[in-house]
Structure formats: C-alpha cells, structure tokens
Amino acid sequence: MVRVPNKPLLAALALAVDGVYGALVADLDDPASIKQAAAQVAEDLLSFYRGDEPGWVPGILPGPPPDGDYYWWQGGALWGTMLDYRHHTGDNTYDPIVLQAMIHQVGPNEDFMPPNWTASMGNDDQGFWGMSAMLATEVGFTDPGDDEPQWLALAQAVFNEQTHEDRRVASGRCEWGLRWQVYPSNTGYNYINTIANACYFNIAARLARYTDNQTYADYAVRTWDLVKDLGYISDDWDVYDGAHLPYCNDTNRAQFSYNAAMLLQGAAYLYNYTNGAEEWKVRIDGLIDRMIEVFFPGGVAYEPSCEGAKCNTDMKSFKGYMHRWMGNTMQLVPHTREKIYPVLKTSVANAVKQCSGGPNGRFCGFHWTTGVFDGEIGAGQQMNVLGALLSLLAPDSAPPLTNATGGTSRGDVNAGSDEPVLPTFATVTVADRAGAGILTALLIAGSLSAFAWMSID
C-alpha cells in the first residue's frame, strides 16, 4: 500500500475538485519546462515536511523511527536540495521555510549540535547540515539577522569541531581518521567511514575556495590522502564504505553513490581553487568514469549496493545528491560537461517517466531503471528526482560565490564549541551521596506502591 502523508492527501483533494491529475512531464531540452517540473516535484517534496505546522519541530522531517521514517540528517539534506532548487530556478517561494528550518536546528553553541540530537550524533549527520550552511553561503541565500548565527560561521563551526582531536583517531594505521560517531557510547564509534571523512573533506575544500585560505585546503588534502591510503578509494576509482578500528583493514566494499559524489564535488572545488591543478583533474576524471560505470548502468541512476535487495530510507535519497553534486562539478570543472551531461540527461528522462504515482498522479518512486512507478512514495524519492532535474540546469547557473565575488555571509574562524566532546562530571561529595540515598528510597517506595496498585486486579 502506498503511504500517503497528510499534505499530499489534501493537495489531491484540491486537485480532484479541478479535475487535474497526471504524471510528471518535462521537456529536457527546454530549461523553462525543467523548472516547471522541478516546481511540481518541490511542492510534493515539501508535503512530507510538517515543521512549519503548529506542534511540529521546524527543520526536521517526521522521525526518527518509530515516530517517523526520517533521521535528523535528512532535514539538513532537504534544505540543501531546496537551496539548490532556489538557485537554479530563481523561485524564492520557500525562503521563509528554509530560513526558519535551518536556524531552528543550529543549537545553543551555533554548531548544528542541537541537544535533542546530540546523543545520537554522527559526524556525517552534523556534516550534512554544515554543507547546507556552506551552500547557503555560496548561493547568496538570505543572511540571518545580526543576532543570529551566520551561514559561513556555521560551516566553520562544523569544520572546527570535526578537526578537534576528540573526534579523531589518535594513533595507528587509521591515525587522524574522523570517526563515524561523535560519542563512544554510540554504535559505530570505532568505524572510520568514507561519508564522515568525505563530509569534512567537502566542507574544507569549499571553505578554502570561498575564503581563499590555504589552511582549509591543506586539511582537505590531508583527508583525501587518508581516505586513499586506507584503500577506501581503490586504484580503479571504486569508492568503498569504510572499515573498523584498530587497523581499518576490514574494508566494507559496499559502494554508495553519495560517497563517490561527495568526494567528486570536493575535488571539483579544489580543482577550481587551484586554477585547474593537474592532480585534481586526474582524480575528477577517474571518479567520473568509474561513477558512470557503477552507478549509471544503461545511463540510468542505480544504487548497486542495495537496490537489487532493499534500500533503507536513508539510501533512497542518495541518487539526488549524486545528480546535484555532479551538476555542481560541471559548473566548477567545465571540461566534465561533455562526459557528465549526456548521462544525467538519460537518467533524468527515466526518473521523470516513473513519476506517476501518489494521490495526484505525479509522485515519484525510487526505482528508475524500469521507468514505471514502484508504488512507494517518500521524501527521499522526491529529493532524488528534484536533484536530478536541477542537475541539468546547473551548468548554466551562476557558479558558487566566494567572499571576493559577491558573497556576503560573515564568518568566524573560531566558531564552534570550545567545550570538550566527552562530558565531565563534578566530584561527588558526602552530601551528594546522602541526597542520592534519600531519593533512591523514595523512588523504591513509589515503585512498590505502583506495583501493588497494578496487582489489585
């Protein structure tokens, strides 16, 4: 059964009154038609968002499970998609929603570490929000008020905190690797994965270009070298998922499109920053060739490590990021357009063809290779098709700004929390023990009373 969120249902009822139904249609040779289709997909995408309604939390999609399908990081990914939508189409309809959403999730230290999500925080989760703040900086999105955190400073805060030794491996073969999870109590703390390090690499590369600061570039290069030396990028340009401590030699060879695409985009920023350095050209060309082979069989986007079996909710959003970041690569590295654009166009054609489901007859599924709607809708599926459409507009859109080419966002090189990642506790005194004993006695008495009451029946 197709799961129908409240907003699409209401939209469908409104459409039924007008008698307007129909699959998504786009002439991929006409930018105006692409923009019109993108507007429809964006509208349907935001039908999954409830944060602008009373009683819901701004910034996040409903979740995490069991309260909804989505984890915190996908909110950051959503706003990155919508910022690209605004930039490539010129439609600023959703500016108030995007601004409210991103600011609401900043957290008290202005670093995208809100208390509600800190306990389950991954470095990649924080990284996705940091990349969206960086994108807001680069596309000239509305600057927050003077009393609010600024986009550039937020990206710098994420970079600074993830550079800190508390987030990294201290020694051994995996030395300086960024851990998947922030806290030792989280499953995955001993996993040094590509996506966390790729997020950091991506932000560092973009900060280097935006601020013209070589220090950021040096950290980006160090991260690339680490990922390559650990074998997460093979000699054939396959990009693997990661490996565990202590030796990082049990490589998980699953290949997900967003890992390769995030590295590709970061490399494109460094290519642009270095005025076309040959080493970055070689890396970009190698990644593109292999990505087309692995992730575009027959020219249509496919997620090989899960699509033949079952992809989870997170994985169902990866295709859209890949398309968007390959589109951005064409902006920054013009020679790649000849190779990338035809593949993306074929992929987008199939993506649009299967957008014929849901309550209004134009919602999109996840499987594109069949060209037929697969019966399940979701925010990830909509983000995928929106990102795909936008990728065809990217080459002719304005390139990302820098602070020398019109960027207005204010930065702070010292942004981020100066508190240690691992919590510290005050010394326990005799009075503390006495108070704890009294409290424990009261809790036990209360529990016994409750158990007695439940046993009466």
Protein backbone atom coordinates (compact mmCIF):
# COMPACT_ATOMS: atom_id res chain seq x y z
CA MET A 1 0.00 0.00 0.00
CA VAL A 2 1.22 3.50 -0.82
CA ARG A 3 1.81 5.57 2.32
CA VAL A 4 0.11 8.94 1.90
CA PRO A 5 1.12 11.88 4.11
CA ASN A 6 -1.48 14.44 5.15
CA LYS A 7 -0.44 17.29 2.89
CA PRO A 8 -0.41 15.26 -0.35
CA LEU A 9 -3.87 13.96 0.52
CA LEU A 10 -5.19 17.48 0.93
CA ALA A 11 -3.48 18.52 -2.29
CA ALA A 12 -5.03 15.58 -4.09
CA LEU A 13 -8.48 16.53 -2.87
CA ALA A 14 -7.96 20.06 -4.15
CA LEU A 15 -6.78 18.73 -7.48
CA ALA A 16 -9.78 16.43 -7.69
CA VAL A 17 -12.05 19.45 -7.49
CA ASP A 18 -10.33 20.97 -10.50
CA GLY A 19 -10.09 17.62 -12.26
CA VAL A 20 -6.30 18.00 -12.65
CA TYR A 21 -4.32 14.78 -12.49
CA GLY A 22 -1.40 13.48 -14.49
CA ALA A 23 2.11 12.13 -14.48
CA LEU A 24 5.09 14.46 -14.27
CA VAL A 25 6.14 15.80 -17.66
CA ALA A 26 9.30 17.68 -18.64
CA ASP A 27 10.91 18.63 -21.94
CA LEU A 28 14.58 18.15 -21.05
CA ASP A 29 15.67 20.35 -23.95
CA ASP A 30 13.73 23.31 -22.53
CA PRO A 31 15.03 24.91 -19.29
CA ALA A 32 11.62 26.51 -18.66
CA SER A 33 9.95 23.11 -18.80
CA ILE A 34 12.56 21.62 -16.48
CA LYS A 35 11.95 24.43 -13.99
CA GLN A 36 8.20 23.90 -14.16
CA ALA A 37 8.61 20.19 -13.46
CA ALA A 38 11.06 20.96 -10.65
CA ALA A 39 8.50 23.28 -9.07
CA GLN A 40 5.95 20.47 -9.01
CA VAL A 41 8.42 18.00 -7.53
CA ALA A 42 9.49 20.57 -4.90
CA GLU A 43 5.89 21.16 -3.92
CA ASP A 44 5.30 17.44 -3.50
CA LEU A 45 8.59 17.06 -1.62
CA LEU A 46 7.62 19.64 0.98
CA SER A 47 4.32 17.87 1.52
CA PHE A 48 6.35 15.45 3.67
CA TYR A 49 7.59 18.31 5.86
CA ARG A 50 5.46 19.26 8.85
CA GLY A 51 7.84 21.59 10.68
CA ASP A 52 6.01 24.72 9.57
CA GLU A 53 2.80 23.49 11.23
CA PRO A 54 1.78 24.02 14.90
CA GLY A 55 3.01 21.29 17.19
CA TRP A 56 5.80 20.09 14.88
CA VAL A 57 9.54 20.79 15.14
CA PRO A 58 10.95 23.17 12.49
CA GLY A 59 13.80 21.85 10.40
CA ILE A 60 13.28 18.09 10.55
CA LEU A 61 11.27 15.55 8.63
CA PRO A 62 8.95 13.37 10.76
CA GLY A 63 11.00 10.92 12.82
CA PRO A 64 13.18 9.27 13.83
CA PRO A 65 11.63 5.80 13.83
CA PRO A 66 9.20 4.80 15.28
CA ASP A 67 7.84 8.36 15.24
CA GLY A 68 8.51 8.76 11.52
CA ASP A 69 10.70 7.48 8.73
CA TYR A 70 13.46 10.07 8.80
CA TYR A 71 16.58 10.75 10.84
CA TRP A 72 17.83 14.23 11.72
CA TRP A 73 20.46 14.44 8.98
CA GLN A 74 17.87 14.18 6.22
CA GLY A 75 16.48 17.53 7.31
CA GLY A 76 19.86 19.06 6.52
CA ALA A 77 19.88 17.25 3.18
CA LEU A 78 16.37 18.53 2.41
CA TRP A 79 17.34 22.17 2.88
CA GLY A 80 20.45 21.71 0.76
CA THR A 81 18.21 20.40 -2.00
CA MET A 82 15.83 23.33 -1.61
CA LEU A 83 18.71 25.83 -1.67
CA ASP A 84 19.87 24.35 -4.97
CA TYR A 85 16.27 24.49 -6.21
CA ARG A 86 16.11 28.19 -5.39
CA HIS A 87 19.47 28.88 -7.01
CA HIS A 88 18.86 27.02 -10.26
CA THR A 89 15.23 28.07 -10.79
CA GLY A 90 15.08 31.53 -9.22
CA ASP A 91 11.99 30.52 -7.22
CA ASN A 92 12.20 32.01 -3.72
CA THR A 93 8.74 30.85 -2.63
CA TYR A 94 10.12 28.68 0.14
CA ASP A 95 12.71 31.10 1.56
CA PRO A 96 10.86 31.67 4.88
CA ILE A 97 10.50 27.93 5.48
CA VAL A 98 14.17 27.21 4.67
CA LEU A 99 15.43 30.08 6.83
CA GLN A 100 13.30 29.10 9.82
CA ALA A 101 14.19 25.42 9.47
CA MET A 102 17.95 25.86 9.32
CA ILE A 103 18.19 28.38 12.12
CA HIS A 104 15.98 26.30 14.41
CA GLN A 105 18.39 23.34 14.24
CA VAL A 106 21.56 25.33 14.94
CA GLY A 107 21.78 24.54 18.67
CA PRO A 108 22.99 26.65 21.61
CA ASN A 109 26.65 26.59 20.53
CA GLU A 110 25.79 27.62 16.96
CA ASP A 111 27.31 24.47 15.50
CA PHE A 112 24.45 22.19 14.41
CA MET A 113 24.62 20.17 17.63
CA PRO A 114 21.07 20.68 18.99
CA PRO A 115 20.58 18.96 22.38
CA ASN A 116 17.68 16.82 21.14
CA TRP A 117 20.01 15.03 18.70
CA THR A 118 23.38 15.18 20.44
CA ALA A 119 23.18 11.70 22.00
CA SER A 120 22.85 10.02 18.60
CA MET A 121 25.06 12.44 16.68
CA GLY A 122 27.24 11.23 13.83
CA ASN A 123 29.94 13.37 12.26
CA ASP A 124 28.27 12.80 8.90
CA ASP A 125 24.92 13.94 10.34
CA GLN A 126 26.43 17.22 11.51
CA GLY A 127 28.35 17.41 8.24
CA PHE A 128 25.20 17.41 6.10
CA TRP A 129 23.85 20.42 7.99
CA GLY A 130 27.25 22.11 7.69
CA MET A 131 27.25 21.55 3.92
CA SER A 132 23.81 23.12 3.66
CA ALA A 133 25.07 26.16 5.57
CA MET A 134 28.02 26.30 3.18
CA LEU A 135 25.64 26.11 0.23
CA ALA A 136 23.57 28.96 1.68
CA THR A 137 26.82 30.94 1.78
CA GLU A 138 27.72 30.11 -1.81
CA VAL A 139 24.33 30.83 -3.39
CA GLY A 140 23.80 34.10 -1.55
CA PHE A 141 20.80 32.91 0.44
CA THR A 142 19.20 35.45 2.76
CA ASP A 143 21.58 36.24 5.62
CA PRO A 144 20.07 35.67 9.08
CA GLY A 145 19.56 38.64 11.38
CA ASP A 146 22.52 40.23 13.14
CA ASP A 147 21.58 38.48 16.39
CA GLU A 148 21.51 35.06 14.74
CA PRO A 149 24.32 32.72 13.60
CA GLN A 150 25.59 33.34 10.08
CA TRP A 151 25.89 30.71 7.35
CA LEU A 152 29.65 30.90 6.86
CA ALA A 153 30.33 30.83 10.60
CA LEU A 154 28.10 27.76 10.95
CA ALA A 155 30.09 25.90 8.29
CA GLN A 156 33.31 26.94 10.02
CA ALA A 157 31.95 25.72 13.36
CA VAL A 158 31.34 22.25 11.96
CA PHE A 159 34.80 22.22 10.39
CA ASN A 160 36.49 23.36 13.62
CA GLU A 161 34.74 20.82 15.82
CA GLN A 162 35.45 17.96 13.43
CA THR A 163 39.11 18.98 13.23
CA HIS A 164 39.41 18.59 17.03
CA GLU A 165 41.37 15.60 18.31
CA ASP A 166 38.34 14.44 20.34
CA ARG A 167 36.64 13.44 17.09
CA ARG A 168 39.63 11.61 15.63
CA VAL A 169 41.78 8.50 15.95
CA ALA A 170 44.91 9.25 17.97
CA SER A 171 47.39 6.75 16.53
CA GLY A 172 47.96 3.69 14.41
CA ARG A 173 47.19 2.98 10.76
CA CYS A 174 43.92 4.93 10.97
CA GLU A 175 45.54 7.94 12.68
CA TRP A 176 43.61 11.20 12.23
CA GLY A 177 40.64 9.38 10.75
CA LEU A 178 37.33 11.04 11.57
CA ARG A 179 35.08 8.63 13.42
CA TRP A 180 31.59 7.90 12.15
CA GLN A 181 30.00 8.68 15.52
CA VAL A 182 30.78 11.57 17.85
CA TYR A 183 30.37 9.77 21.18
CA PRO A 184 31.97 6.50 22.41
CA SER A 185 28.58 5.27 23.61
CA ASN A 186 27.24 5.15 20.05
CA THR A 187 27.39 2.05 17.89
CA GLY A 188 29.80 2.84 15.06
CA TYR A 189 32.26 4.88 17.15
CA ASN A 190 35.04 2.51 16.02
CA TYR A 191 34.03 2.74 12.35
CA ILE A 192 36.13 5.07 10.22
CA ASN A 193 33.91 5.54 7.21
CA THR A 194 34.09 7.39 3.95
CA ILE A 195 30.97 9.50 4.38
CA ALA A 196 32.07 11.21 7.61
CA ASN A 197 35.51 11.97 6.19
CA ALA A 198 34.04 12.97 2.83
CA CYS A 199 31.72 15.49 4.52
CA TYR A 200 34.73 17.02 6.26
CA PHE A 201 36.78 16.99 3.04
CA ASN A 202 33.89 18.62 1.18
CA ILE A 203 33.40 21.43 3.69
CA ALA A 204 37.16 22.09 3.94
CA ALA A 205 37.52 22.30 0.15
CA ARG A 206 34.63 24.73 -0.12
CA LEU A 207 35.87 26.88 2.74
CA ALA A 208 39.26 27.06 1.01
CA ARG A 209 37.70 28.32 -2.20
CA TYR A 210 35.26 30.70 -0.53
CA THR A 211 37.73 32.31 1.86
CA ASP A 212 40.89 31.84 -0.24
CA ASN A 213 42.55 30.32 2.83
CA GLN A 214 45.15 27.63 2.15
CA THR A 215 44.81 26.17 5.65
CA TYR A 216 41.40 24.75 4.76
CA ALA A 217 42.82 23.31 1.55
CA ASP A 218 45.65 21.65 3.50
CA TYR A 219 43.15 19.88 5.74
CA ALA A 220 41.14 18.81 2.70
CA VAL A 221 44.24 17.34 1.06
CA ARG A 222 45.19 15.56 4.28
CA THR A 223 41.73 13.97 4.37
CA TRP A 224 41.86 12.89 0.74
CA ASP A 225 45.27 11.30 1.33
CA LEU A 226 43.96 9.47 4.41
CA VAL A 227 40.93 8.04 2.59
CA LYS A 228 43.11 6.99 -0.35
CA ASP A 229 45.84 5.47 1.85
CA LEU A 230 43.26 3.43 3.78
CA GLY A 231 42.10 1.95 0.49
CA TYR A 232 38.63 3.45 0.57
CA ILE A 233 39.38 4.83 -2.90
CA SER A 234 40.78 1.99 -4.98
CA ASP A 235 43.28 2.26 -7.82
CA ASP A 236 40.30 1.75 -10.17
CA TRP A 237 38.39 4.63 -8.51
CA ASP A 238 35.88 2.48 -6.72
CA VAL A 239 34.81 4.21 -3.51
CA TYR A 240 34.12 1.87 -0.58
CA ASP A 241 32.14 2.49 2.59
CA GLY A 242 34.75 2.22 5.37
CA ALA A 243 36.47 -0.06 7.89
CA HIS A 244 36.81 -0.61 11.64
CA LEU A 245 39.48 0.14 14.19
CA PRO A 246 42.07 -0.73 15.18
CA TYR A 247 43.59 -1.34 11.73
CA CYS A 248 40.94 -0.19 9.22
CA ASN A 249 41.74 -3.20 7.06
CA ASP A 250 38.35 -4.99 7.10
CA THR A 251 37.10 -2.79 4.29
CA ASN A 252 33.36 -2.80 3.67
CA ARG A 253 33.32 -2.80 -0.14
CA ALA A 254 29.74 -1.62 -0.46
CA GLN A 255 29.58 1.28 -2.92
CA PHE A 256 27.03 4.04 -2.37
CA SER A 257 26.63 6.85 -4.83
CA TYR A 258 26.76 9.67 -2.30
CA ASN A 259 30.24 8.65 -1.06
CA ALA A 260 31.78 8.95 -4.52
CA ALA A 261 29.75 12.03 -5.41
CA MET A 262 30.72 13.92 -2.28
CA LEU A 263 34.39 13.26 -2.93
CA LEU A 264 33.90 14.32 -6.55
CA GLN A 265 32.29 17.61 -5.58
CA GLY A 266 35.01 18.40 -3.05
CA ALA A 267 37.68 17.60 -5.66
CA ALA A 268 35.91 19.94 -8.10
CA TYR A 269 36.12 22.78 -5.58
CA LEU A 270 39.84 22.15 -5.09
CA TYR A 271 40.37 22.00 -8.87
CA ASN A 272 38.69 25.38 -9.15
CA TYR A 273 40.58 26.78 -6.15
CA THR A 274 43.95 25.66 -7.56
CA ASN A 275 43.16 27.04 -11.03
CA GLY A 276 43.00 23.61 -12.59
CA ALA A 277 45.78 21.66 -10.88
CA GLU A 278 46.53 18.51 -12.86
CA GLU A 279 46.37 16.21 -9.83
CA TRP A 280 42.77 17.21 -9.19
CA LYS A 281 41.89 16.85 -12.86
CA VAL A 282 43.18 13.27 -12.83
CA ARG A 283 41.17 12.47 -9.71
CA ILE A 284 38.00 14.07 -11.03
CA ASP A 285 38.21 12.29 -14.36
CA GLY A 286 38.90 8.97 -12.68
CA LEU A 287 35.95 9.31 -10.31
CA ILE A 288 33.57 10.36 -13.09
CA ASP A 289 34.48 7.47 -15.36
CA ARG A 290 34.02 4.92 -12.60
CA MET A 291 30.83 6.51 -11.23
CA ILE A 292 29.22 6.28 -14.66
CA GLU A 293 30.15 2.60 -14.85
CA VAL A 294 29.00 1.71 -11.34
CA PHE A 295 26.02 3.97 -10.70
CA PHE A 296 24.56 4.54 -14.18
CA PRO A 297 24.12 1.13 -15.83
CA GLY A 298 22.41 1.79 -19.14
CA GLY A 299 22.66 5.50 -18.37
CA VAL A 300 20.13 5.46 -15.51
CA ALA A 301 20.95 6.03 -11.83
CA TYR A 302 21.04 2.85 -9.78
CA GLU A 303 22.15 2.12 -6.21
CA PRO A 304 24.07 -1.17 -6.66
CA SER A 305 24.71 -2.00 -3.01
CA CYS A 306 21.06 -2.12 -2.06
CA GLU A 307 18.67 -1.63 -4.97
CA GLY A 308 18.70 -5.28 -6.01
CA ALA A 309 17.55 -6.19 -2.50
CA LYS A 310 16.19 -3.48 -0.20
CA CYS A 311 17.36 0.07 0.37
CA ASN A 312 16.52 1.77 3.65
CA THR A 313 15.03 5.26 3.93
CA ASP A 314 18.46 6.92 4.02
CA MET A 315 19.68 5.11 0.91
CA LYS A 316 16.56 6.09 -1.01
CA SER A 317 17.81 9.69 -1.11
CA PHE A 318 21.35 9.12 -2.44
CA LYS A 319 20.62 9.42 -6.18
CA GLY A 320 19.52 13.03 -5.82
CA TYR A 321 22.72 14.10 -4.07
CA MET A 322 24.77 12.35 -6.75
CA HIS A 323 22.97 14.22 -9.54
CA ARG A 324 23.21 17.60 -7.78
CA TRP A 325 26.91 17.23 -7.00
CA MET A 326 27.74 16.04 -10.49
CA GLY A 327 25.85 19.09 -11.76
CA ASN A 328 27.95 21.30 -9.47
CA THR A 329 31.08 19.60 -10.81
CA MET A 330 30.12 20.68 -14.33
CA GLN A 331 29.94 24.28 -13.10
CA LEU A 332 33.36 24.23 -11.49
CA VAL A 333 35.17 21.96 -13.95
CA PRO A 334 33.77 22.83 -17.39
CA HIS A 335 35.57 20.08 -19.32
CA THR A 336 33.50 17.47 -17.45
CA ARG A 337 30.24 18.63 -19.03
CA GLU A 338 30.81 16.68 -22.22
CA LYS A 339 31.02 13.42 -20.29
CA ILE A 340 28.55 14.05 -17.44
CA TYR A 341 25.65 15.85 -19.07
CA PRO A 342 24.50 13.16 -21.56
CA VAL A 343 24.43 10.54 -18.80
CA LEU A 344 22.48 12.77 -16.44
CA LYS A 345 20.01 13.62 -19.17
CA THR A 346 19.26 9.95 -19.87
CA SER A 347 18.92 9.29 -16.15
CA VAL A 348 16.59 12.24 -15.62
CA ALA A 349 14.37 11.14 -18.51
CA ASN A 350 13.80 7.77 -16.84
CA ALA A 351 13.34 9.40 -13.44
CA VAL A 352 10.60 11.68 -14.74
CA LYS A 353 8.92 8.84 -16.63
CA GLN A 354 8.20 6.91 -13.43
CA CYS A 355 6.72 9.90 -11.54
CA SER A 356 3.13 8.81 -11.99
CA GLY A 357 2.01 7.69 -8.53
CA GLY A 358 0.63 9.02 -5.29
CA PRO A 359 -2.59 10.94 -4.73
CA ASN A 360 -2.05 13.47 -7.52
CA GLY A 361 -0.63 11.06 -10.07
CA ARG A 362 2.85 12.62 -10.23
CA PHE A 363 4.67 11.40 -7.12
CA CYS A 364 7.96 9.62 -7.78
CA GLY A 365 9.25 6.21 -6.80
CA PHE A 366 12.77 5.00 -6.15
CA HIS A 367 13.48 2.55 -8.98
CA TRP A 368 14.22 4.43 -12.19
CA THR A 369 15.56 1.72 -14.48
CA THR A 370 12.08 0.34 -15.19
CA GLY A 371 10.55 3.71 -15.97
CA VAL A 372 7.47 2.56 -14.01
CA PHE A 373 6.27 3.89 -10.64
CA ASP A 374 7.17 1.32 -7.97
CA GLY A 375 4.31 2.04 -5.58
CA GLU A 376 6.06 3.72 -2.65
CA ILE A 377 6.46 7.43 -2.06
CA GLY A 378 8.75 9.32 0.30
CA ALA A 379 10.79 12.47 0.82
CA GLY A 380 13.94 10.71 -0.42
CA GLN A 381 12.29 9.72 -3.68
CA GLN A 382 11.14 13.30 -4.27
CA MET A 383 14.59 14.70 -3.39
CA ASN A 384 16.11 12.29 -5.89
CA VAL A 385 14.04 13.50 -8.84
CA LEU A 386 14.28 17.14 -7.83
CA GLY A 387 18.06 16.84 -7.61
CA ALA A 388 18.13 15.11 -10.97
CA LEU A 389 16.14 17.87 -12.69
CA LEU A 390 18.31 20.55 -11.08
CA SER A 391 21.49 18.85 -12.29
CA LEU A 392 20.52 19.66 -15.89
CA LEU A 393 20.14 23.34 -15.00
CA ALA A 394 23.41 23.55 -13.04
CA PRO A 395 25.93 24.05 -15.87
CA ASP A 396 24.27 27.28 -16.98
CA SER A 397 23.55 28.62 -13.49
CA ALA A 398 25.76 31.16 -11.73
CA PRO A 399 28.80 29.47 -10.15
CA PRO A 400 29.16 29.34 -6.36
CA LEU A 401 30.09 32.68 -4.83
CA THR A 402 33.24 33.47 -2.88
CA ASN A 403 33.89 36.32 -0.48
CA ALA A 404 35.60 38.09 -3.42
CA THR A 405 32.79 37.57 -5.95
CA GLY A 406 29.73 38.79 -4.08
CA GLY A 407 29.39 36.53 -1.07
CA THR A 408 28.01 38.42 1.94
CA SER A 409 27.89 35.87 4.75
CA ARG A 410 30.02 36.71 7.78
CA GLY A 411 32.46 34.14 9.06
CA ASP A 412 34.15 33.33 12.33
CA VAL A 413 37.40 31.36 12.15
CA ASN A 414 36.97 30.41 15.82
CA ALA A 415 33.33 29.31 15.53
CA GLY A 416 32.14 26.22 17.35
CA SER A 417 32.02 24.98 20.89
CA ASP A 418 35.21 25.22 22.92
CA GLU A 419 33.91 22.57 25.30
CA PRO A 420 35.36 19.03 25.20
CA VAL A 421 33.29 16.47 23.33
CA LEU A 422 33.38 13.99 26.22
CA PRO A 423 31.31 15.23 29.17
CA THR A 424 32.94 15.90 32.54
CA PHE A 425 31.29 15.48 35.91
CA ALA A 426 31.68 17.29 39.23
CA THR A 427 33.24 15.49 42.19
CA VAL A 428 30.65 13.55 44.23
CA THR A 429 30.50 14.81 47.86
CA VAL A 430 29.17 13.20 51.06
CA ALA A 431 26.11 15.44 50.84
CA ASP A 432 25.52 14.27 47.27
CA ARG A 433 25.60 10.61 48.43
CA ALA A 434 23.20 11.31 51.28
CA GLY A 435 20.78 13.11 48.97
CA ALA A 436 21.01 10.32 46.43
CA GLY A 437 20.21 7.76 49.14
CA ILE A 438 17.08 9.62 50.21
CA LEU A 439 15.97 10.00 46.59
CA THR A 440 16.57 6.28 45.94
CA ALA A 441 14.49 5.31 48.97
CA LEU A 442 11.62 7.49 47.80
CA LEU A 443 11.80 6.02 44.29
CA ILE A 444 11.72 2.46 45.66
CA ALA A 445 8.74 3.24 47.88
CA GLY A 446 6.90 4.82 44.99
CA SER A 447 7.65 1.87 42.72
CA LEU A 448 6.39 -0.65 45.27
CA SER A 449 3.17 1.31 45.63
CA ALA A 450 2.74 1.36 41.86
CA PHE A 451 3.39 -2.40 41.58
CA ALA A 452 0.84 -3.04 44.35
CA TRP A 453 -1.76 -0.91 42.60
CA MET A 454 -1.20 -2.71 39.28
CA SER A 455 -1.63 -6.07 41.06
CA ILE A 456 -5.04 -5.29 42.58
CA ASP A 457 -6.93 -6.54 39.51
